[in-house]
């Protein structure tokens, strides 16, 4: 028995676990989907490494 009174393997424990499972699932899906978006900072660094000049706004 846990300190909260839930018995391991009981229906009450299974019901209490559902919100945690949904949170972990949604967080994982969100982070995987967000990971495929290119970051503007990394996109600039990638264009400089391909031989394209970096933009210099101050030097005119």
C-alpha atoms as a PDB file:
ATOM      1  CA  UNK A   1       0.000   0.000   0.000  1.00  0.00           C
ATOM      2  CA  UNK A   2       1.289   3.469  -0.861  1.00  0.00           C
ATOM      3  CA  UNK A   3       1.328   6.400   1.558  1.00  0.00           C
ATOM      4  CA  UNK A   4      -1.719   7.820  -0.248  1.00  0.00           C
ATOM      5  CA  UNK A   5      -3.731   4.652   0.360  1.00  0.00           C
ATOM      6  CA  UNK A   6      -3.627   3.278  -3.192  1.00  0.00           C
ATOM      7  CA  UNK A   7      -2.932  -0.428  -3.492  1.00  0.00           C
ATOM      8  CA  UNK A   8      -0.388  -1.403  -6.150  1.00  0.00           C
ATOM      9  CA  UNK A   9      -2.151  -2.833  -9.191  1.00  0.00           C
ATOM     10  CA  UNK A  10      -5.612  -1.651  -8.186  1.00  0.00           C
ATOM     11  CA  UNK A  11      -8.136   0.049 -10.458  1.00  0.00           C
ATOM     12  CA  UNK A  12      -7.671   3.286  -8.510  1.00  0.00           C
ATOM     13  CA  UNK A  13      -3.951   3.272  -9.281  1.00  0.00           C
ATOM     14  CA  UNK A  14      -4.639   2.612 -12.965  1.00  0.00           C
ATOM     15  CA  UNK A  15      -7.056   5.556 -13.103  1.00  0.00           C
ATOM     16  CA  UNK A  16      -4.563   7.797 -11.306  1.00  0.00           C
ATOM     17  CA  UNK A  17      -1.875   6.840 -13.850  1.00  0.00           C
ATOM     18  CA  UNK A  18      -3.901   7.853 -16.947  1.00  0.00           C
ATOM     19  CA  UNK A  19      -3.234  11.651 -16.680  1.00  0.00           C
ATOM     20  CA  UNK A  20       0.498  11.054 -16.270  1.00  0.00           C
ATOM     21  CA  UNK A  21       0.535   8.734 -19.289  1.00  0.00           C
ATOM     22  CA  UNK A  22      -1.324  11.281 -21.433  1.00  0.00           C
ATOM     23  CA  UNK A  23       1.041  14.073 -20.332  1.00  0.00           C
ATOM     24  CA  UNK A  24       4.151  12.039 -21.171  1.00  0.00           C
ATOM     25  CA  UNK A  25       2.687  10.993 -24.536  1.00  0.00           C
ATOM     26  CA  UNK A  26       1.695  14.532 -25.536  1.00  0.00           C
ATOM     27  CA  UNK A  27       5.045  15.957 -24.402  1.00  0.00           C
ATOM     28  CA  UNK A  28       6.929  13.378 -26.448  1.00  0.00           C
ATOM     29  CA  UNK A  29       4.850  14.025 -29.572  1.00  0.00           C
ATOM     30  CA  UNK A  30       5.209  17.799 -29.174  1.00  0.00           C
ATOM     31  CA  UNK A  31       8.985  17.660 -28.762  1.00  0.00           C
ATOM     32  CA  UNK A  32       9.442  15.344 -31.739  1.00  0.00           C
ATOM     33  CA  UNK A  33       7.291  17.596 -33.938  1.00  0.00           C
ATOM     34  CA  UNK A  34       8.999  20.774 -32.727  1.00  0.00           C
ATOM     35  CA  UNK A  35      12.425  19.250 -33.266  1.00  0.00           C
ATOM     36  CA  UNK A  36      11.939  19.190 -37.035  1.00  0.00           C
ATOM     37  CA  UNK A  37      11.441  22.949 -37.348  1.00  0.00           C
ATOM     38  CA  UNK A  38      14.645  24.738 -38.358  1.00  0.00           C
ATOM     39  CA  UNK A  39      15.843  27.343 -35.910  1.00  0.00           C
ATOM     40  CA  UNK A  40      16.515  30.816 -37.424  1.00  0.00           C
ATOM     41  CA  UNK A  41      19.897  30.969 -35.680  1.00  0.00           C
ATOM     42  CA  UNK A  42      20.975  27.606 -37.049  1.00  0.00           C
ATOM     43  CA  UNK A  43      19.652  28.461 -40.509  1.00  0.00           C
ATOM     44  CA  UNK A  44      21.931  31.553 -40.585  1.00  0.00           C
ATOM     45  CA  UNK A  45      24.929  29.541 -39.451  1.00  0.00           C
ATOM     46  CA  UNK A  46      24.238  26.956 -42.135  1.00  0.00           C
ATOM     47  CA  UNK A  47      24.108  29.555 -44.907  1.00  0.00           C
ATOM     48  CA  UNK A  48      27.449  31.016 -43.782  1.00  0.00           C
ATOM     49  CA  UNK A  49      29.080  27.606 -43.821  1.00  0.00           C
ATOM     50  CA  UNK A  50      27.991  27.117 -47.463  1.00  0.00           C
ATOM     51  CA  UNK A  51      30.074  30.069 -48.607  1.00  0.00           C
ATOM     52  CA  UNK A  52      27.318  32.681 -48.642  1.00  0.00           C
ATOM     53  CA  UNK A  53      28.311  35.997 -47.074  1.00  0.00           C
ATOM     54  CA  UNK A  54      26.804  36.896 -43.736  1.00  0.00           C
ATOM     55  CA  UNK A  55      24.578  39.956 -43.664  1.00  0.00           C
ATOM     56  CA  UNK A  56      26.255  43.005 -42.129  1.00  0.00           C
ATOM     57  CA  UNK A  57      23.693  45.657 -41.312  1.00  0.00           C
ATOM     58  CA  UNK A  58      26.082  47.985 -39.453  1.00  0.00           C
ATOM     59  CA  UNK A  59      28.779  48.150 -42.148  1.00  0.00           C
ATOM     60  CA  UNK A  60      27.281  50.368 -44.860  1.00  0.00           C
END
